[in-house]
Amino acid sequence: MSDVSTGVPLASGKSEIFQAVLQFMPDWVQIPALVLIVLLVVGSWGFKLKRRIDRRRAARTGQAVQVTERHGQGRGADYLGPYAPQQAAPQPAQQPSGADFLGAYAPQQRQGNGQA
């Protein structure tokens, strides 16, 4: 495609570089290279579509989206690093407490013959 008034091709710089690389390759390599590039593009589209569908399904069912953490990640506003609170060791069973716990003031259970 070319501009009618100037006769200058309207191809972008990327496409010109792509054509130059293809012309540099021997004929028997050009077709497998093009097929490989097309497969990579279609595969990346499919992978993105699958992730988008998984995210929508998880959002619809109320499940957390599983995010794979990459090596070396751990940055950002939510990453505390060495400043994160330490995991506390499990505490031994505690005595009940709170507003509903009467403790020593609870009414005593009577043991008797069931007559009141």
N, C-alpha and C. Protein backbone atom coordinates (compact mmCIF):
# COMPACT_ATOMS: atom_id res chain seq x y z
N MET A 1 0.85 -1.17 0.00
CA MET A 1 0.00 0.00 0.00
C MET A 1 0.90 1.23 0.00
N SER A 2 0.54 2.21 -0.79
CA SER A 2 1.35 3.42 -0.84
C SER A 2 0.45 4.63 -0.94
N ASP A 3 1.01 5.73 -0.54
CA ASP A 3 0.28 6.98 -0.59
C ASP A 3 0.19 7.40 -2.06
N VAL A 4 -1.00 7.78 -2.52
CA VAL A 4 -1.23 8.09 -3.93
C VAL A 4 -0.46 9.33 -4.36
N SER A 5 -0.42 10.34 -3.51
CA SER A 5 0.20 11.60 -3.92
C SER A 5 1.73 11.54 -3.98
N THR A 6 2.37 10.79 -3.08
CA THR A 6 3.83 10.77 -3.05
C THR A 6 4.43 9.47 -3.55
N GLY A 7 3.66 8.40 -3.54
CA GLY A 7 4.19 7.11 -3.95
C GLY A 7 5.07 6.46 -2.89
N VAL A 8 5.05 6.99 -1.66
CA VAL A 8 5.85 6.47 -0.56
C VAL A 8 5.05 5.37 0.15
N PRO A 9 5.66 4.23 0.40
CA PRO A 9 4.93 3.18 1.11
C PRO A 9 4.53 3.63 2.51
N LEU A 10 3.35 3.17 2.96
CA LEU A 10 2.83 3.55 4.27
C LEU A 10 3.13 2.50 5.34
N ALA A 11 4.02 1.58 5.07
CA ALA A 11 4.35 0.54 6.03
C ALA A 11 5.10 1.15 7.22
N SER A 12 4.87 0.56 8.39
CA SER A 12 5.54 1.06 9.58
C SER A 12 6.98 0.56 9.61
N GLY A 13 7.75 1.13 10.48
CA GLY A 13 9.14 0.72 10.62
C GLY A 13 9.28 -0.72 11.06
N LYS A 14 8.37 -1.17 11.94
CA LYS A 14 8.44 -2.56 12.41
C LYS A 14 8.21 -3.53 11.27
N SER A 15 7.23 -3.24 10.42
CA SER A 15 6.96 -4.17 9.32
C SER A 15 8.11 -4.18 8.32
N GLU A 16 8.75 -3.04 8.12
CA GLU A 16 9.90 -3.00 7.21
C GLU A 16 11.06 -3.82 7.76
N ILE A 17 11.30 -3.72 9.06
CA ILE A 17 12.36 -4.52 9.69
C ILE A 17 12.02 -6.00 9.59
N PHE A 18 10.74 -6.34 9.83
CA PHE A 18 10.29 -7.73 9.75
C PHE A 18 10.50 -8.28 8.34
N GLN A 19 10.14 -7.50 7.32
CA GLN A 19 10.33 -7.94 5.94
C GLN A 19 11.81 -8.10 5.61
N ALA A 20 12.64 -7.20 6.11
CA ALA A 20 14.08 -7.29 5.84
C ALA A 20 14.67 -8.55 6.47
N VAL A 21 14.22 -8.88 7.69
CA VAL A 21 14.72 -10.09 8.35
C VAL A 21 14.26 -11.32 7.59
N LEU A 22 13.00 -11.33 7.15
CA LEU A 22 12.50 -12.47 6.39
C LEU A 22 13.24 -12.63 5.06
N GLN A 23 13.53 -11.53 4.39
CA GLN A 23 14.24 -11.63 3.11
C GLN A 23 15.67 -12.09 3.31
N PHE A 24 16.23 -11.83 4.48
CA PHE A 24 17.59 -12.25 4.79
C PHE A 24 17.68 -13.76 4.97
N MET A 25 16.58 -14.36 5.46
CA MET A 25 16.57 -15.80 5.72
C MET A 25 16.45 -16.58 4.42
N PRO A 26 16.98 -17.79 4.41
CA PRO A 26 16.77 -18.65 3.23
C PRO A 26 15.29 -19.04 3.12
N ASP A 27 14.88 -19.43 1.92
CA ASP A 27 13.46 -19.73 1.67
C ASP A 27 12.95 -20.86 2.56
N TRP A 28 13.76 -21.88 2.82
CA TRP A 28 13.28 -23.02 3.59
C TRP A 28 13.11 -22.69 5.06
N VAL A 29 13.62 -21.52 5.53
CA VAL A 29 13.49 -21.11 6.93
C VAL A 29 12.34 -20.11 7.10
N GLN A 30 11.98 -19.41 6.03
CA GLN A 30 10.97 -18.36 6.14
C GLN A 30 9.62 -18.88 6.60
N ILE A 31 9.13 -19.95 5.99
CA ILE A 31 7.80 -20.46 6.33
C ILE A 31 7.77 -21.01 7.76
N PRO A 32 8.72 -21.85 8.19
CA PRO A 32 8.67 -22.28 9.60
C PRO A 32 8.79 -21.12 10.58
N ALA A 33 9.56 -20.09 10.24
CA ALA A 33 9.68 -18.92 11.12
C ALA A 33 8.35 -18.19 11.22
N LEU A 34 7.67 -18.01 10.09
CA LEU A 34 6.36 -17.35 10.12
C LEU A 34 5.34 -18.17 10.91
N VAL A 35 5.36 -19.49 10.71
CA VAL A 35 4.43 -20.36 11.45
C VAL A 35 4.71 -20.27 12.95
N LEU A 36 5.97 -20.26 13.33
CA LEU A 36 6.32 -20.16 14.74
C LEU A 36 5.86 -18.84 15.34
N ILE A 37 6.04 -17.76 14.63
CA ILE A 37 5.60 -16.45 15.12
C ILE A 37 4.08 -16.41 15.27
N VAL A 38 3.36 -16.96 14.27
CA VAL A 38 1.89 -16.98 14.35
C VAL A 38 1.45 -17.84 15.53
N LEU A 39 2.09 -18.99 15.74
CA LEU A 39 1.73 -19.85 16.87
C LEU A 39 1.98 -19.15 18.21
N LEU A 40 3.08 -18.43 18.31
CA LEU A 40 3.37 -17.70 19.55
C LEU A 40 2.31 -16.63 19.82
N VAL A 41 1.93 -15.90 18.79
CA VAL A 41 0.91 -14.85 18.98
C VAL A 41 -0.42 -15.45 19.37
N VAL A 42 -0.85 -16.48 18.64
CA VAL A 42 -2.14 -17.11 18.94
C VAL A 42 -2.11 -17.77 20.32
N GLY A 43 -0.98 -18.40 20.67
CA GLY A 43 -0.86 -19.00 22.00
C GLY A 43 -0.93 -17.99 23.12
N SER A 44 -0.30 -16.83 22.93
CA SER A 44 -0.36 -15.80 23.98
C SER A 44 -1.78 -15.26 24.11
N TRP A 45 -2.49 -15.12 23.00
CA TRP A 45 -3.88 -14.69 23.07
C TRP A 45 -4.72 -15.71 23.82
N GLY A 46 -4.51 -16.99 23.51
CA GLY A 46 -5.26 -18.05 24.19
C GLY A 46 -4.98 -18.07 25.68
N PHE A 47 -3.71 -17.89 26.07
CA PHE A 47 -3.35 -17.89 27.48
C PHE A 47 -3.98 -16.70 28.20
N LYS A 48 -3.96 -15.53 27.57
CA LYS A 48 -4.59 -14.35 28.18
C LYS A 48 -6.09 -14.55 28.33
N LEU A 49 -6.72 -15.15 27.31
CA LEU A 49 -8.15 -15.39 27.36
C LEU A 49 -8.49 -16.38 28.47
N LYS A 50 -7.68 -17.42 28.63
CA LYS A 50 -7.91 -18.40 29.69
C LYS A 50 -7.80 -17.76 31.07
N ARG A 51 -6.78 -16.92 31.26
CA ARG A 51 -6.64 -16.23 32.55
C ARG A 51 -7.81 -15.31 32.82
N ARG A 52 -8.29 -14.62 31.80
CA ARG A 52 -9.43 -13.71 31.97
C ARG A 52 -10.68 -14.50 32.35
N ILE A 53 -10.90 -15.63 31.69
CA ILE A 53 -12.06 -16.47 32.01
C ILE A 53 -11.94 -17.01 33.43
N ASP A 54 -10.76 -17.45 33.83
CA ASP A 54 -10.56 -17.95 35.20
C ASP A 54 -10.84 -16.87 36.23
N ARG A 55 -10.39 -15.65 35.96
CA ARG A 55 -10.64 -14.54 36.89
C ARG A 55 -12.12 -14.25 37.01
N ARG A 56 -12.84 -14.26 35.89
CA ARG A 56 -14.28 -13.99 35.94
C ARG A 56 -15.02 -15.08 36.68
N ARG A 57 -14.63 -16.34 36.45
CA ARG A 57 -15.29 -17.44 37.16
C ARG A 57 -15.04 -17.34 38.67
N ALA A 58 -13.81 -17.02 39.05
CA ALA A 58 -13.49 -16.90 40.47
C ALA A 58 -14.25 -15.74 41.09
N ALA A 59 -14.38 -14.64 40.37
CA ALA A 59 -15.11 -13.49 40.91
C ALA A 59 -16.60 -13.82 41.06
N ARG A 60 -17.14 -14.60 40.11
CA ARG A 60 -18.55 -14.96 40.18
C ARG A 60 -18.84 -15.89 41.33
N THR A 61 -17.93 -16.83 41.61
CA THR A 61 -18.17 -17.79 42.69
C THR A 61 -17.66 -17.31 44.03
N GLY A 62 -17.00 -16.18 44.07
CA GLY A 62 -16.52 -15.62 45.33
C GLY A 62 -15.22 -16.23 45.81
N GLN A 63 -14.52 -16.93 44.94
CA GLN A 63 -13.25 -17.54 45.32
C GLN A 63 -12.12 -16.55 45.10
N ALA A 64 -11.05 -16.77 45.83
CA ALA A 64 -9.87 -15.94 45.65
C ALA A 64 -9.16 -16.36 44.37
N VAL A 65 -8.65 -15.40 43.65
CA VAL A 65 -7.93 -15.69 42.43
C VAL A 65 -6.53 -16.15 42.81
N GLN A 66 -6.12 -17.28 42.27
CA GLN A 66 -4.81 -17.82 42.61
C GLN A 66 -3.76 -17.10 41.78
N VAL A 67 -2.85 -16.45 42.46
CA VAL A 67 -1.79 -15.71 41.80
C VAL A 67 -0.48 -16.43 42.07
N THR A 68 0.23 -16.73 41.02
CA THR A 68 1.51 -17.39 41.22
C THR A 68 2.56 -16.34 41.47
N GLU A 69 3.30 -16.52 42.55
CA GLU A 69 4.35 -15.56 42.89
C GLU A 69 5.62 -15.94 42.17
N ARG A 70 6.18 -15.01 41.46
CA ARG A 70 7.40 -15.26 40.72
C ARG A 70 8.59 -15.08 41.63
N HIS A 71 9.68 -15.71 41.25
CA HIS A 71 10.91 -15.61 42.03
C HIS A 71 11.37 -14.15 42.04
N GLY A 72 11.70 -13.65 43.21
CA GLY A 72 12.19 -12.29 43.31
C GLY A 72 11.08 -11.27 43.51
N GLN A 73 9.82 -11.72 43.43
CA GLN A 73 8.75 -10.77 43.67
C GLN A 73 8.56 -10.65 45.17
N GLY A 74 7.93 -9.63 45.58
CA GLY A 74 7.72 -9.36 46.98
C GLY A 74 7.99 -7.90 47.19
N ARG A 75 7.41 -7.12 46.35
CA ARG A 75 7.59 -5.67 46.44
C ARG A 75 6.23 -5.03 46.36
N GLY A 76 6.19 -3.78 46.62
CA GLY A 76 4.94 -3.06 46.50
C GLY A 76 4.42 -2.61 47.85
N ALA A 77 3.26 -2.00 47.81
CA ALA A 77 2.69 -1.40 49.01
C ALA A 77 2.31 -2.44 50.06
N ASP A 78 1.93 -3.64 49.63
CA ASP A 78 1.48 -4.65 50.58
C ASP A 78 2.60 -5.54 51.09
N TYR A 79 3.80 -5.37 50.60
CA TYR A 79 4.90 -6.23 51.01
C TYR A 79 5.62 -5.59 52.19
N LEU A 80 5.63 -6.27 53.34
CA LEU A 80 6.25 -5.71 54.54
C LEU A 80 7.67 -6.21 54.75
N GLY A 81 8.00 -7.31 54.13
CA GLY A 81 9.35 -7.85 54.26
C GLY A 81 9.71 -8.15 55.69
N PRO A 82 10.88 -7.66 56.16
CA PRO A 82 11.30 -7.95 57.53
C PRO A 82 10.43 -7.26 58.58
N TYR A 83 9.59 -6.31 58.15
CA TYR A 83 8.73 -5.60 59.11
C TYR A 83 7.39 -6.28 59.30
N ALA A 84 7.16 -7.40 58.65
CA ALA A 84 5.91 -8.13 58.80
C ALA A 84 5.82 -8.68 60.21
N PRO A 85 4.62 -8.73 60.80
CA PRO A 85 4.49 -9.29 62.15
C PRO A 85 4.87 -10.76 62.16
N GLN A 86 5.54 -11.17 63.21
CA GLN A 86 5.97 -12.55 63.34
C GLN A 86 4.75 -13.42 63.66
N GLN A 87 4.80 -14.65 63.17
CA GLN A 87 3.72 -15.58 63.46
C GLN A 87 3.83 -16.00 64.92
N ALA A 88 2.77 -15.81 65.67
CA ALA A 88 2.78 -16.16 67.09
C ALA A 88 2.64 -17.67 67.24
N ALA A 89 3.32 -18.22 68.24
CA ALA A 89 3.20 -19.64 68.53
C ALA A 89 1.81 -19.91 69.08
N PRO A 90 1.25 -21.08 68.84
CA PRO A 90 -0.09 -21.37 69.36
C PRO A 90 -0.10 -21.27 70.89
N GLN A 91 -1.10 -20.58 71.40
CA GLN A 91 -1.20 -20.36 72.84
C GLN A 91 -1.94 -21.52 73.49
N PRO A 92 -1.60 -21.82 74.73
CA PRO A 92 -2.34 -22.89 75.42
C PRO A 92 -3.79 -22.48 75.62
N ALA A 93 -4.62 -23.47 75.87
CA ALA A 93 -6.04 -23.20 76.05
C ALA A 93 -6.24 -22.21 77.20
N GLN A 94 -7.01 -21.18 76.92
CA GLN A 94 -7.24 -20.14 77.92
C GLN A 94 -8.59 -20.36 78.59
N GLN A 95 -8.71 -19.80 79.80
CA GLN A 95 -9.98 -19.82 80.50
C GLN A 95 -10.95 -18.92 79.74
N PRO A 96 -12.21 -19.31 79.65
CA PRO A 96 -13.17 -18.44 78.97
C PRO A 96 -13.28 -17.11 79.70
N SER A 97 -13.55 -16.09 78.95
CA SER A 97 -13.69 -14.76 79.54
C SER A 97 -14.70 -13.99 78.73
N GLY A 98 -15.01 -12.82 79.17
CA GLY A 98 -15.94 -11.96 78.45
C GLY A 98 -17.18 -11.69 79.26
N ALA A 99 -18.11 -11.01 78.67
CA ALA A 99 -19.30 -10.56 79.37
C ALA A 99 -20.19 -11.71 79.81
N ASP A 100 -20.21 -12.82 79.08
CA ASP A 100 -21.11 -13.92 79.43
C ASP A 100 -20.47 -14.93 80.37
N PHE A 101 -19.19 -14.75 80.69
CA PHE A 101 -18.52 -15.70 81.58
C PHE A 101 -18.65 -15.21 83.02
N LEU A 102 -19.30 -16.01 83.87
CA LEU A 102 -19.53 -15.59 85.25
C LEU A 102 -18.47 -16.09 86.21
N GLY A 103 -17.75 -17.10 85.80
CA GLY A 103 -16.68 -17.60 86.64
C GLY A 103 -17.18 -18.09 87.99
N ALA A 104 -16.58 -17.59 89.10
CA ALA A 104 -16.96 -18.01 90.46
C ALA A 104 -18.35 -17.54 90.83
N TYR A 105 -18.91 -16.59 90.08
CA TYR A 105 -20.23 -16.07 90.41
C TYR A 105 -21.35 -16.82 89.70
N ALA A 106 -21.03 -17.84 88.95
CA ALA A 106 -22.04 -18.63 88.26
C ALA A 106 -22.86 -19.40 89.27
N PRO A 107 -24.15 -19.60 89.03
CA PRO A 107 -24.96 -20.37 89.98
C PRO A 107 -24.44 -21.79 90.09
N GLN A 108 -24.44 -22.29 91.31
CA GLN A 108 -23.93 -23.63 91.55
C GLN A 108 -24.95 -24.66 91.07
N GLN A 109 -24.42 -25.72 90.49
CA GLN A 109 -25.29 -26.82 90.05
C GLN A 109 -25.64 -27.65 91.28
N ARG A 110 -26.89 -27.84 91.54
CA ARG A 110 -27.30 -28.65 92.68
C ARG A 110 -27.40 -30.11 92.28
N GLN A 111 -26.93 -30.92 93.17
CA GLN A 111 -27.10 -32.34 92.94
C GLN A 111 -28.09 -32.85 93.98
N GLY A 112 -29.11 -33.42 93.50
CA GLY A 112 -30.13 -33.88 94.44
C GLY A 112 -31.02 -34.88 93.77
N ASN A 113 -32.19 -35.03 94.37
CA ASN A 113 -33.11 -36.03 93.85
C ASN A 113 -34.06 -35.44 92.81
N GLY A 114 -33.84 -34.26 92.35
CA GLY A 114 -34.66 -33.66 91.32
C GLY A 114 -35.87 -32.94 91.85
N GLN A 115 -36.07 -32.86 93.17
CA GLN A 115 -37.22 -32.13 93.72
C GLN A 115 -36.79 -30.73 94.08
N ALA A 116 -37.61 -29.78 93.70
CA ALA A 116 -37.25 -28.42 94.00
C ALA A 116 -38.25 -27.77 94.90
